[in-house]
């Protein structure tokens, strides 16, 4: 199944701390995770998937348009990310669950270019 759609999003600081060891896979992102943004319903980049709790398995890699239903999306499942650059700070239970799977968080310091 293919989807073609061109959309423009606002800029957000990079949240990937290192490309070394970065692992991702595709997941079906449910429409219920979307937030209405004008005429679209979007799941923001950096959202903890599927929830910001002990069930967490990864972090959404790029914005996912779920306006018309569930949609495929990239999910980071391993590596190092800047937790303080995500749209919502990871909960303690989510951090524990993700670290058990090989996804680690650190705080970004310094300037964003």
PDB file of N, CA and C in Angstrom:
ATOM      1  N   UNK A   1       0.845  -1.151   0.000  1.00  0.00           N
ATOM      2  CA  UNK A   1       0.000   0.000   0.000  1.00  0.00           C
ATOM      3  C   UNK A   1       0.899   1.225   0.000  1.00  0.00           C
ATOM      4  N   UNK A   2       0.619   2.187  -0.869  1.00  0.00           N
ATOM      5  CA  UNK A   2       1.429   3.402  -0.903  1.00  0.00           C
ATOM      6  C   UNK A   2       0.549   4.623  -0.688  1.00  0.00           C
ATOM      7  N   UNK A   3       1.168   5.638  -0.123  1.00  0.00           N
ATOM      8  CA  UNK A   3       0.491   6.898   0.147  1.00  0.00           C
ATOM      9  C   UNK A   3       1.400   8.015  -0.337  1.00  0.00           C
ATOM     10  N   UNK A   4       0.851   8.953  -1.084  1.00  0.00           N
ATOM     11  CA  UNK A   4       1.635  10.088  -1.542  1.00  0.00           C
ATOM     12  C   UNK A   4       0.932  11.351  -1.072  1.00  0.00           C
ATOM     13  N   UNK A   5       1.673  12.173  -0.323  1.00  0.00           N
ATOM     14  CA  UNK A   5       1.111  13.404   0.199  1.00  0.00           C
ATOM     15  C   UNK A   5       2.265  14.312   0.580  1.00  0.00           C
ATOM     16  N   UNK A   6       2.222  15.579   0.196  1.00  0.00           N
ATOM     17  CA  UNK A   6       3.277  16.526   0.530  1.00  0.00           C
ATOM     18  C   UNK A   6       2.730  17.484   1.580  1.00  0.00           C
ATOM     19  N   UNK A   7       3.451  17.600   2.704  1.00  0.00           N
ATOM     20  CA  UNK A   7       3.027  18.475   3.787  1.00  0.00           C
ATOM     21  C   UNK A   7       4.230  19.222   4.337  1.00  0.00           C
ATOM     22  N   UNK A   8       4.002  20.387   4.888  1.00  0.00           N
ATOM     23  CA  UNK A   8       5.051  21.194   5.480  1.00  0.00           C
ATOM     24  C   UNK A   8       4.800  21.300   6.973  1.00  0.00           C
ATOM     25  N   UNK A   9       5.841  21.084   7.761  1.00  0.00           N
ATOM     26  CA  UNK A   9       5.723  21.122   9.214  1.00  0.00           C
ATOM     27  C   UNK A   9       6.675  22.161   9.778  1.00  0.00           C
ATOM     28  N   UNK A  10       6.405  22.610  10.993  1.00  0.00           N
ATOM     29  CA  UNK A  10       7.294  23.560  11.640  1.00  0.00           C
ATOM     30  C   UNK A  10       8.592  22.863  12.040  1.00  0.00           C
ATOM     31  N   UNK A  11       9.637  23.660  12.229  1.00  0.00           N
ATOM     32  CA  UNK A  11      10.934  23.095  12.601  1.00  0.00           C
ATOM     33  C   UNK A  11      10.964  22.769  14.086  1.00  0.00           C
ATOM     34  N   UNK A  12      11.659  21.714  14.423  1.00  0.00           N
ATOM     35  CA  UNK A  12      11.842  21.297  15.809  1.00  0.00           C
ATOM     36  C   UNK A  12      13.302  20.899  15.958  1.00  0.00           C
ATOM     37  N   UNK A  13      13.913  21.215  17.101  1.00  0.00           N
ATOM     38  CA  UNK A  13      15.315  20.822  17.272  1.00  0.00           C
ATOM     39  C   UNK A  13      15.503  19.314  17.126  1.00  0.00           C
ATOM     40  N   UNK A  14      16.629  18.940  16.576  1.00  0.00           N
ATOM     41  CA  UNK A  14      16.935  17.522  16.406  1.00  0.00           C
ATOM     42  C   UNK A  14      16.969  16.830  17.757  1.00  0.00           C
ATOM     43  N   UNK A  15      16.339  15.666  17.845  1.00  0.00           N
ATOM     44  CA  UNK A  15      16.307  14.947  19.117  1.00  0.00           C
ATOM     45  C   UNK A  15      17.126  13.670  19.089  1.00  0.00           C
ATOM     46  N   UNK A  16      17.781  13.368  17.982  1.00  0.00           N
ATOM     47  CA  UNK A  16      18.640  12.186  17.910  1.00  0.00           C
ATOM     48  C   UNK A  16      20.032  12.575  18.395  1.00  0.00           C
ATOM     49  N   UNK A  17      20.485  11.939  19.476  1.00  0.00           N
ATOM     50  CA  UNK A  17      21.777  12.270  20.072  1.00  0.00           C
ATOM     51  C   UNK A  17      22.935  11.683  19.265  1.00  0.00           C
ATOM     52  N   UNK A  18      22.728  10.500  18.683  1.00  0.00           N
ATOM     53  CA  UNK A  18      23.786   9.850  17.926  1.00  0.00           C
ATOM     54  C   UNK A  18      23.170   8.878  16.927  1.00  0.00           C
ATOM     55  N   UNK A  19      23.749   8.838  15.733  1.00  0.00           N
ATOM     56  CA  UNK A  19      23.281   7.881  14.735  1.00  0.00           C
ATOM     57  C   UNK A  19      23.857   6.491  14.990  1.00  0.00           C
ATOM     58  N   UNK A  20      24.881   6.417  15.807  1.00  0.00           N
ATOM     59  CA  UNK A  20      25.511   5.140  16.122  1.00  0.00           C
ATOM     60  C   UNK A  20      24.522   4.297  16.927  1.00  0.00           C
ATOM     61  N   UNK A  21      24.240   3.113  16.444  1.00  0.00           N
ATOM     62  CA  UNK A  21      23.333   2.208  17.144  1.00  0.00           C
ATOM     63  C   UNK A  21      21.860   2.533  16.968  1.00  0.00           C
ATOM     64  N   UNK A  22      21.529   3.502  16.118  1.00  0.00           N
ATOM     65  CA  UNK A  22      20.129   3.879  15.903  1.00  0.00           C
ATOM     66  C   UNK A  22      19.396   2.762  15.170  1.00  0.00           C
ATOM     67  N   UNK A  23      18.289   2.312  15.726  1.00  0.00           N
ATOM     68  CA  UNK A  23      17.467   1.278  15.103  1.00  0.00           C
ATOM     69  C   UNK A  23      16.033   1.769  15.036  1.00  0.00           C
ATOM     70  N   UNK A  24      15.365   1.444  13.939  1.00  0.00           N
ATOM     71  CA  UNK A  24      13.956   1.829  13.794  1.00  0.00           C
ATOM     72  C   UNK A  24      13.220   0.746  13.029  1.00  0.00           C
ATOM     73  N   UNK A  25      11.911   0.783  13.153  1.00  0.00           N
ATOM     74  CA  UNK A  25      11.076  -0.110  12.349  1.00  0.00           C
ATOM     75  C   UNK A  25       9.760   0.589  12.062  1.00  0.00           C
ATOM     76  N   UNK A  26       8.920  -0.042  11.275  1.00  0.00           N
ATOM     77  CA  UNK A  26       7.620   0.524  10.931  1.00  0.00           C
ATOM     78  C   UNK A  26       6.548  -0.057  11.842  1.00  0.00           C
ATOM     79  N   UNK A  27       5.652   0.798  12.254  1.00  0.00           N
ATOM     80  CA  UNK A  27       4.528   0.397  13.085  1.00  0.00           C
ATOM     81  C   UNK A  27       3.267   1.030  12.518  1.00  0.00           C
ATOM     82  N   UNK A  28       2.132   0.447  12.816  1.00  0.00           N
ATOM     83  CA  UNK A  28       0.863   1.058  12.457  1.00  0.00           C
ATOM     84  C   UNK A  28       0.511   2.046  13.560  1.00  0.00           C
ATOM     85  N   UNK A  29       0.434   3.313  13.196  1.00  0.00           N
ATOM     86  CA  UNK A  29       0.139   4.376  14.155  1.00  0.00           C
ATOM     87  C   UNK A  29      -1.378   4.573  14.168  1.00  0.00           C
ATOM     88  N   UNK A  30      -2.031   4.368  15.331  1.00  0.00           N
ATOM     89  CA  UNK A  30      -3.488   4.486  15.379  1.00  0.00           C
ATOM     90  C   UNK A  30      -3.965   5.938  15.299  1.00  0.00           C
ATOM     91  N   UNK A  31      -5.110   6.112  14.688  1.00  0.00           N
ATOM     92  CA  UNK A  31      -5.697   7.440  14.543  1.00  0.00           C
ATOM     93  C   UNK A  31      -5.957   8.089  15.898  1.00  0.00           C
ATOM     94  N   UNK A  32      -6.176   7.286  16.918  1.00  0.00           N
ATOM     95  CA  UNK A  32      -6.466   7.817  18.254  1.00  0.00           C
ATOM     96  C   UNK A  32      -5.286   8.586  18.842  1.00  0.00           C
ATOM     97  N   UNK A  33      -4.074   8.384  18.335  1.00  0.00           N
ATOM     98  CA  UNK A  33      -2.911   9.122  18.827  1.00  0.00           C
ATOM     99  C   UNK A  33      -2.804  10.514  18.215  1.00  0.00           C
ATOM    100  N   UNK A  34      -3.571  10.783  17.165  1.00  0.00           N
ATOM    101  CA  UNK A  34      -3.478  12.045  16.439  1.00  0.00           C
ATOM    102  C   UNK A  34      -4.073  13.217  17.196  1.00  0.00           C
ATOM    103  N   UNK A  35      -3.554  14.397  16.882  1.00  0.00           N
ATOM    104  CA  UNK A  35      -4.050  15.654  17.430  1.00  0.00           C
ATOM    105  C   UNK A  35      -4.468  16.523  16.255  1.00  0.00           C
ATOM    106  N   UNK A  36      -5.652  17.110  16.334  1.00  0.00           N
ATOM    107  CA  UNK A  36      -6.157  17.941  15.249  1.00  0.00           C
ATOM    108  C   UNK A  36      -5.263  19.158  15.069  1.00  0.00           C
ATOM    109  N   UNK A  37      -4.816  19.399  13.833  1.00  0.00           N
ATOM    110  CA  UNK A  37      -3.973  20.544  13.482  1.00  0.00           C
ATOM    111  C   UNK A  37      -4.530  21.127  12.196  1.00  0.00           C
ATOM    112  N   UNK A  38      -5.454  22.054  12.324  1.00  0.00           N
ATOM    113  CA  UNK A  38      -6.131  22.593  11.146  1.00  0.00           C
ATOM    114  C   UNK A  38      -7.048  21.533  10.571  1.00  0.00           C
ATOM    115  N   UNK A  39      -6.847  21.216   9.288  1.00  0.00           N
ATOM    116  CA  UNK A  39      -7.695  20.204   8.650  1.00  0.00           C
ATOM    117  C   UNK A  39      -7.112  18.796   8.784  1.00  0.00           C
ATOM    118  N   UNK A  40      -5.915  18.696   9.348  1.00  0.00           N
ATOM    119  CA  UNK A  40      -5.251  17.399   9.485  1.00  0.00           C
ATOM    120  C   UNK A  40      -5.255  16.915  10.926  1.00  0.00           C
ATOM    121  N   UNK A  41      -5.142  15.612  11.082  1.00  0.00           N
ATOM    122  CA  UNK A  41      -4.964  14.990  12.385  1.00  0.00           C
ATOM    123  C   UNK A  41      -3.585  14.342  12.334  1.00  0.00           C
ATOM    124  N   UNK A  42      -2.660  14.848  13.164  1.00  0.00           N
ATOM    125  CA  UNK A  42      -1.263  14.433  13.084  1.00  0.00           C
ATOM    126  C   UNK A  42      -0.757  13.854  14.396  1.00  0.00           C
ATOM    127  N   UNK A  43       0.183  12.918  14.272  1.00  0.00           N
ATOM    128  CA  UNK A  43       0.939  12.436  15.424  1.00  0.00           C
ATOM    129  C   UNK A  43       2.315  13.088  15.286  1.00  0.00           C
ATOM    130  N   UNK A  44       2.697  13.866  16.292  1.00  0.00           N
ATOM    131  CA  UNK A  44       3.918  14.661  16.218  1.00  0.00           C
ATOM    132  C   UNK A  44       5.177  13.808  16.281  1.00  0.00           C
ATOM    133  N   UNK A  45       6.214  14.304  15.612  1.00  0.00           N
ATOM    134  CA  UNK A  45       7.533  13.692  15.702  1.00  0.00           C
ATOM    135  C   UNK A  45       7.978  13.755  17.163  1.00  0.00           C
ATOM    136  N   UNK A  46       8.609  12.694  17.645  1.00  0.00           N
ATOM    137  CA  UNK A  46       9.078  12.662  19.018  1.00  0.00           C
ATOM    138  C   UNK A  46       8.058  12.160  20.025  1.00  0.00           C
ATOM    139  N   UNK A  47       6.886  11.739  19.557  1.00  0.00           N
ATOM    140  CA  UNK A  47       5.859  11.196  20.449  1.00  0.00           C
ATOM    141  C   UNK A  47       6.251   9.794  20.886  1.00  0.00           C
ATOM    142  N   UNK A  48       6.122   9.502  22.175  1.00  0.00           N
ATOM    143  CA  UNK A  48       6.403   8.156  22.685  1.00  0.00           C
ATOM    144  C   UNK A  48       5.302   7.225  22.177  1.00  0.00           C
ATOM    145  N   UNK A  49       5.695   6.077  21.603  1.00  0.00           N
ATOM    146  CA  UNK A  49       4.729   5.149  21.006  1.00  0.00           C
ATOM    147  C   UNK A  49       4.699   3.843  21.787  1.00  0.00           C
ATOM    148  N   UNK A  50       3.567   3.242  22.065  1.00  0.00           N
ATOM    149  CA  UNK A  50       2.199   3.703  21.821  1.00  0.00           C
ATOM    150  C   UNK A  50       1.664   4.629  22.899  1.00  0.00           C
ATOM    151  N   UNK A  51       2.340   4.715  24.048  1.00  0.00           N
ATOM    152  CA  UNK A  51       1.919   5.627  25.111  1.00  0.00           C
ATOM    153  C   UNK A  51       3.123   5.959  25.975  1.00  0.00           C
ATOM    154  N   UNK A  52       3.043   7.083  26.666  1.00  0.00           N
ATOM    155  CA  UNK A  52       4.132   7.541  27.521  1.00  0.00           C
ATOM    156  C   UNK A  52       4.013   6.884  28.902  1.00  0.00           C
ATOM    157  N   UNK A  53       4.161   5.550  28.908  1.00  0.00           N
ATOM    158  CA  UNK A  53       4.058   4.776  30.149  1.00  0.00           C
ATOM    159  C   UNK A  53       4.859   3.484  29.986  1.00  0.00           C
ATOM    160  N   UNK A  54       4.605   2.502  30.820  1.00  0.00           N
ATOM    161  CA  UNK A  54       5.373   1.251  30.798  1.00  0.00           C
ATOM    162  C   UNK A  54       5.165   0.431  29.523  1.00  0.00           C
ATOM    163  N   UNK A  55       4.168   0.780  28.692  1.00  0.00           N
ATOM    164  CA  UNK A  55       3.931   0.052  27.442  1.00  0.00           C
ATOM    165  C   UNK A  55       4.771   0.579  26.283  1.00  0.00           C
ATOM    166  N   UNK A  56       5.562   1.618  26.512  1.00  0.00           N
ATOM    167  CA  UNK A  56       6.333   2.271  25.445  1.00  0.00           C
ATOM    168  C   UNK A  56       7.281   1.292  24.757  1.00  0.00           C
ATOM    169  N   UNK A  57       7.309   1.376  23.410  1.00  0.00           N
ATOM    170  CA  UNK A  57       8.247   0.552  22.640  1.00  0.00           C
ATOM    171  C   UNK A  57       9.178   1.394  21.778  1.00  0.00           C
ATOM    172  N   UNK A  58       8.898   2.706  21.637  1.00  0.00           N
ATOM    173  CA  UNK A  58       9.757   3.546  20.820  1.00  0.00           C
ATOM    174  C   UNK A  58       9.262   4.973  20.745  1.00  0.00           C
ATOM    175  N   UNK A  59       9.900   5.736  19.829  1.00  0.00           N
ATOM    176  CA  UNK A  59       9.598   7.150  19.640  1.00  0.00           C
ATOM    177  C   UNK A  59       9.330   7.384  18.152  1.00  0.00           C
ATOM    178  N   UNK A  60       8.242   8.090  17.842  1.00  0.00           N
ATOM    179  CA  UNK A  60       7.871   8.386  16.450  1.00  0.00           C
ATOM    180  C   UNK A  60       8.992   9.200  15.799  1.00  0.00           C
ATOM    181  N   UNK A  61       9.450   8.739  14.624  1.00  0.00           N
ATOM    182  CA  UNK A  61      10.596   9.330  13.939  1.00  0.00           C
ATOM    183  C   UNK A  61      10.243  10.548  13.092  1.00  0.00           C
ATOM    184  N   UNK A  62       9.060  10.567  12.507  1.00  0.00           N
ATOM    185  CA  UNK A  62       8.629  11.668  11.658  1.00  0.00           C
ATOM    186  C   UNK A  62       7.126  11.860  11.827  1.00  0.00           C
ATOM    187  N   UNK A  63       6.594  13.048  11.506  1.00  0.00           N
ATOM    188  CA  UNK A  63       5.156  13.267  11.687  1.00  0.00           C
ATOM    189  C   UNK A  63       4.345  12.258  10.877  1.00  0.00           C
ATOM    190  N   UNK A  64       3.248  11.798  11.465  1.00  0.00           N
ATOM    191  CA  UNK A  64       2.390  10.822  10.796  1.00  0.00           C
ATOM    192  C   UNK A  64       0.988  11.421  10.661  1.00  0.00           C
ATOM    193  N   UNK A  65       0.488  11.451   9.427  1.00  0.00           N
ATOM    194  CA  UNK A  65      -0.851  11.978   9.158  1.00  0.00           C
ATOM    195  C   UNK A  65      -1.860  10.845   9.316  1.00  0.00           C
ATOM    196  N   UNK A  66      -2.703  10.947  10.335  1.00  0.00           N
ATOM    197  CA  UNK A  66      -3.716   9.924  10.596  1.00  0.00           C
ATOM    198  C   UNK A  66      -5.126  10.485  10.378  1.00  0.00           C
ATOM    199  N   UNK A  67      -5.233  11.509   9.538  1.00  0.00           N
ATOM    200  CA  UNK A  67      -6.511  12.161   9.268  1.00  0.00           C
ATOM    201  C   UNK A  67      -7.552  11.167   8.772  1.00  0.00           C
ATOM    202  N   UNK A  68      -7.135  10.250   7.926  1.00  0.00           N
ATOM    203  CA  UNK A  68      -8.083   9.328   7.295  1.00  0.00           C
ATOM    204  C   UNK A  68      -8.019   7.919   7.871  1.00  0.00           C
ATOM    205  N   UNK A  69      -7.418   7.766   9.040  1.00  0.00           N
ATOM    206  CA  UNK A  69      -7.351   6.457   9.683  1.00  0.00           C
ATOM    207  C   UNK A  69      -5.929   6.093  10.079  1.00  0.00           C
ATOM    208  N   UNK A  70      -5.785   4.878  10.595  1.00  0.00           N
ATOM    209  CA  UNK A  70      -4.467   4.389  11.007  1.00  0.00           C
ATOM    210  C   UNK A  70      -3.501   4.463   9.830  1.00  0.00           C
ATOM    211  N   UNK A  71      -2.212   4.701  10.129  1.00  0.00           N
ATOM    212  CA  UNK A  71      -1.230   4.865   9.058  1.00  0.00           C
ATOM    213  C   UNK A  71       0.118   4.320   9.516  1.00  0.00           C
ATOM    214  N   UNK A  72       0.938   3.884   8.571  1.00  0.00           N
ATOM    215  CA  UNK A  72       2.269   3.392   8.879  1.00  0.00           C
ATOM    216  C   UNK A  72       3.156   4.565   9.266  1.00  0.00           C
ATOM    217  N   UNK A  73       4.116   4.295  10.141  1.00  0.00           N
ATOM    218  CA  UNK A  73       5.057   5.337  10.532  1.00  0.00           C
ATOM    219  C   UNK A  73       6.329   4.735  11.086  1.00  0.00           C
ATOM    220  N   UNK A  74       7.409   5.488  10.997  1.00  0.00           N
ATOM    221  CA  UNK A  74       8.687   5.038  11.523  1.00  0.00           C
ATOM    222  C   UNK A  74       8.772   5.260  13.023  1.00  0.00           C
ATOM    223  N   UNK A  75       9.284   4.247  13.733  1.00  0.00           N
ATOM    224  CA  UNK A  75       9.431   4.323  15.185  1.00  0.00           C
ATOM    225  C   UNK A  75      10.861   3.950  15.545  1.00  0.00           C
ATOM    226  N   UNK A  76      11.539   4.830  16.281  1.00  0.00           N
ATOM    227  CA  UNK A  76      12.900   4.555  16.752  1.00  0.00           C
ATOM    228  C   UNK A  76      12.786   3.599  17.934  1.00  0.00           C
ATOM    229  N   UNK A  77      13.476   2.464  17.845  1.00  0.00           N
ATOM    230  CA  UNK A  77      13.380   1.454  18.903  1.00  0.00           C
ATOM    231  C   UNK A  77      14.718   1.207  19.608  1.00  0.00           C
ATOM    232  N   UNK A  78      15.775   1.859  19.154  1.00  0.00           N
ATOM    233  CA  UNK A  78      17.073   1.675  19.790  1.00  0.00           C
ATOM    234  C   UNK A  78      18.007   2.822  19.459  1.00  0.00           C
ATOM    235  N   UNK A  79      18.858   3.181  20.403  1.00  0.00           N
ATOM    236  CA  UNK A  79      19.817   4.252  20.185  1.00  0.00           C
ATOM    237  C   UNK A  79      19.808   5.245  21.324  1.00  0.00           C
ATOM    238  N   UNK A  80      20.303   6.457  21.028  1.00  0.00           N
ATOM    239  CA  UNK A  80      20.396   7.523  22.029  1.00  0.00           C
ATOM    240  C   UNK A  80      19.662   8.755  21.533  1.00  0.00           C
ATOM    241  N   UNK A  81      18.739   9.274  22.365  1.00  0.00           N
ATOM    242  CA  UNK A  81      17.940  10.443  22.027  1.00  0.00           C
ATOM    243  C   UNK A  81      18.072  11.503  23.108  1.00  0.00           C
ATOM    244  N   UNK A  82      17.823  12.763  22.713  1.00  0.00           N
ATOM    245  CA  UNK A  82      17.765  13.853  23.682  1.00  0.00           C
ATOM    246  C   UNK A  82      16.344  13.929  24.227  1.00  0.00           C
ATOM    247  N   UNK A  83      16.152  13.498  25.455  1.00  0.00           N
ATOM    248  CA  UNK A  83      14.833  13.493  26.064  1.00  0.00           C
ATOM    249  C   UNK A  83      14.257  14.872  26.275  1.00  0.00           C
ATOM    250  N   UNK A  84      15.120  15.880  26.503  1.00  0.00           N
ATOM    251  CA  UNK A  84      14.618  17.229  26.737  1.00  0.00           C
ATOM    252  C   UNK A  84      14.244  17.967  25.451  1.00  0.00           C
ATOM    253  N   UNK A  85      14.389  17.339  24.302  1.00  0.00           N
ATOM    254  CA  UNK A  85      13.965  17.939  23.032  1.00  0.00           C
ATOM    255  C   UNK A  85      12.706  17.293  22.471  1.00  0.00           C
ATOM    256  N   UNK A  86      12.158  16.316  23.171  1.00  0.00           N
ATOM    257  CA  UNK A  86      10.906  15.699  22.734  1.00  0.00           C
ATOM    258  C   UNK A  86       9.750  16.638  23.091  1.00  0.00           C
ATOM    259  N   UNK A  87       8.630  16.568  22.354  1.00  0.00           N
ATOM    260  CA  UNK A  87       7.515  17.471  22.647  1.00  0.00           C
ATOM    261  C   UNK A  87       6.944  17.289  24.053  1.00  0.00           C
ATOM    262  N   UNK A  88       6.981  16.069  24.576  1.00  0.00           N
ATOM    263  CA  UNK A  88       6.539  15.776  25.940  1.00  0.00           C
ATOM    264  C   UNK A  88       7.643  14.943  26.590  1.00  0.00           C
ATOM    265  N   UNK A  89       8.064  15.344  27.773  1.00  0.00           N
ATOM    266  CA  UNK A  89       9.133  14.620  28.471  1.00  0.00           C
ATOM    267  C   UNK A  89       8.707  13.178  28.741  1.00  0.00           C
ATOM    268  N   UNK A  90       9.593  12.221  28.526  1.00  0.00           N
ATOM    269  CA  UNK A  90       9.253  10.824  28.794  1.00  0.00           C
ATOM    270  C   UNK A  90       8.991  10.594  30.286  1.00  0.00           C
ATOM    271  N   UNK A  91       7.949   9.852  30.590  1.00  0.00           N
ATOM    272  CA  UNK A  91       7.633   9.489  31.974  1.00  0.00           C
ATOM    273  C   UNK A  91       8.666   8.473  32.472  1.00  0.00           C
ATOM    274  N   UNK A  92       8.821   8.388  33.778  1.00  0.00           N
ATOM    275  CA  UNK A  92       9.795   7.460  34.364  1.00  0.00           C
ATOM    276  C   UNK A  92       9.528   6.023  33.932  1.00  0.00           C
ATOM    277  N   UNK A  93       8.256   5.626  33.890  1.00  0.00           N
ATOM    278  CA  UNK A  93       7.912   4.257  33.478  1.00  0.00           C
ATOM    279  C   UNK A  93       8.286   4.019  32.015  1.00  0.00           C
ATOM    280  N   UNK A  94       8.099   5.044  31.162  1.00  0.00           N
ATOM    281  CA  UNK A  94       8.456   4.913  29.744  1.00  0.00           C
ATOM    282  C   UNK A  94       9.968   4.809  29.578  1.00  0.00           C
ATOM    283  N   UNK A  95      10.710   5.599  30.336  1.00  0.00           N
ATOM    284  CA  UNK A  95      12.173   5.544  30.264  1.00  0.00           C
ATOM    285  C   UNK A  95      12.668   4.156  30.642  1.00  0.00           C
ATOM    286  N   UNK A  96      12.121   3.595  31.703  1.00  0.00           N
ATOM    287  CA  UNK A  96      12.511   2.252  32.142  1.00  0.00           C
ATOM    288  C   UNK A  96      12.210   1.213  31.074  1.00  0.00           C
ATOM    289  N   UNK A  97      11.000   1.281  30.497  1.00  0.00           N
ATOM    290  CA  UNK A  97      10.594   0.322  29.459  1.00  0.00           C
ATOM    291  C   UNK A  97      11.468   0.441  28.216  1.00  0.00           C
ATOM    292  N   UNK A  98      11.781   1.670  27.814  1.00  0.00           N
ATOM    293  CA  UNK A  98      12.578   1.878  26.605  1.00  0.00           C
ATOM    294  C   UNK A  98      14.047   1.501  26.821  1.00  0.00           C
ATOM    295  N   UNK A  99      14.577   1.775  27.999  1.00  0.00           N
ATOM    296  CA  UNK A  99      15.963   1.384  28.276  1.00  0.00           C
ATOM    297  C   UNK A  99      16.122  -0.130  28.249  1.00  0.00           C
ATOM    298  N   UNK A 100      15.101  -0.851  28.689  1.00  0.00           N
ATOM    299  CA  UNK A 100      15.146  -2.315  28.646  1.00  0.00           C
ATOM    300  C   UNK A 100      15.210  -2.817  27.212  1.00  0.00           C
ATOM    301  N   UNK A 101      14.735  -2.002  26.261  1.00  0.00           N
ATOM    302  CA  UNK A 101      14.751  -2.379  24.846  1.00  0.00           C
ATOM    303  C   UNK A 101      15.958  -1.806  24.095  1.00  0.00           C
ATOM    304  N   UNK A 102      16.784  -0.985  24.777  1.00  0.00           N
ATOM    305  CA  UNK A 102      17.974  -0.432  24.131  1.00  0.00           C
ATOM    306  C   UNK A 102      17.836   0.987  23.633  1.00  0.00           C
ATOM    307  N   UNK A 103      16.840   1.737  24.113  1.00  0.00           N
ATOM    308  CA  UNK A 103      16.660   3.142  23.734  1.00  0.00           C
ATOM    309  C   UNK A 103      16.940   3.994  24.962  1.00  0.00           C
ATOM    310  N   UNK A 104      17.946   4.865  24.859  1.00  0.00           N
ATOM    311  CA  UNK A 104      18.415   5.636  26.002  1.00  0.00           C
ATOM    312  C   UNK A 104      18.216   7.126  25.784  1.00  0.00           C
ATOM    313  N   UNK A 105      17.990   7.850  26.884  1.00  0.00           N
ATOM    314  CA  UNK A 105      17.779   9.292  26.827  1.00  0.00           C
ATOM    315  C   UNK A 105      18.898  10.020  27.553  1.00  0.00           C
ATOM    316  N   UNK A 106      19.271  11.177  27.016  1.00  0.00           N
ATOM    317  CA  UNK A 106      20.210  12.075  27.670  1.00  0.00           C
ATOM    318  C   UNK A 106      19.729  13.492  27.440  1.00  0.00           C
ATOM    319  N   UNK A 107      20.286  14.450  28.162  1.00  0.00           N
ATOM    320  CA  UNK A 107      19.883  15.847  28.005  1.00  0.00           C
ATOM    321  C   UNK A 107      20.821  16.549  27.056  1.00  0.00           C
ATOM    322  N   UNK A 108      20.234  17.325  26.132  1.00  0.00           N
ATOM    323  CA  UNK A 108      21.012  18.110  25.194  1.00  0.00           C
ATOM    324  C   UNK A 108      21.472  19.386  25.878  1.00  0.00           C
ATOM    325  N   UNK A 109      22.681  19.782  25.624  1.00  0.00           N
ATOM    326  CA  UNK A 109      23.204  21.036  26.136  1.00  0.00           C
ATOM    327  C   UNK A 109      23.776  21.818  24.976  1.00  0.00           C
ATOM    328  N   UNK A 110      23.831  23.119  25.110  1.00  0.00           N
ATOM    329  CA  UNK A 110      24.424  23.935  24.062  1.00  0.00           C
ATOM    330  C   UNK A 110      23.410  24.445  23.072  1.00  0.00           C
ATOM    331  N   UNK A 111      23.924  24.993  21.985  1.00  0.00           N
ATOM    332  CA  UNK A 111      23.127  25.671  20.982  1.00  0.00           C
ATOM    333  C   UNK A 111      22.572  24.692  19.952  1.00  0.00           C
ATOM    334  N   UNK A 112      21.370  25.008  19.462  1.00  0.00           N
ATOM    335  CA  UNK A 112      20.765  24.244  18.377  1.00  0.00           C
ATOM    336  C   UNK A 112      20.928  25.048  17.111  1.00  0.00           C
ATOM    337  N   UNK A 113      21.444  24.434  16.053  1.00  0.00           N
ATOM    338  CA  UNK A 113      21.636  25.155  14.789  1.00  0.00           C
ATOM    339  C   UNK A 113      20.629  24.720  13.777  1.00  0.00           C
TER     340      UNK A 113
END
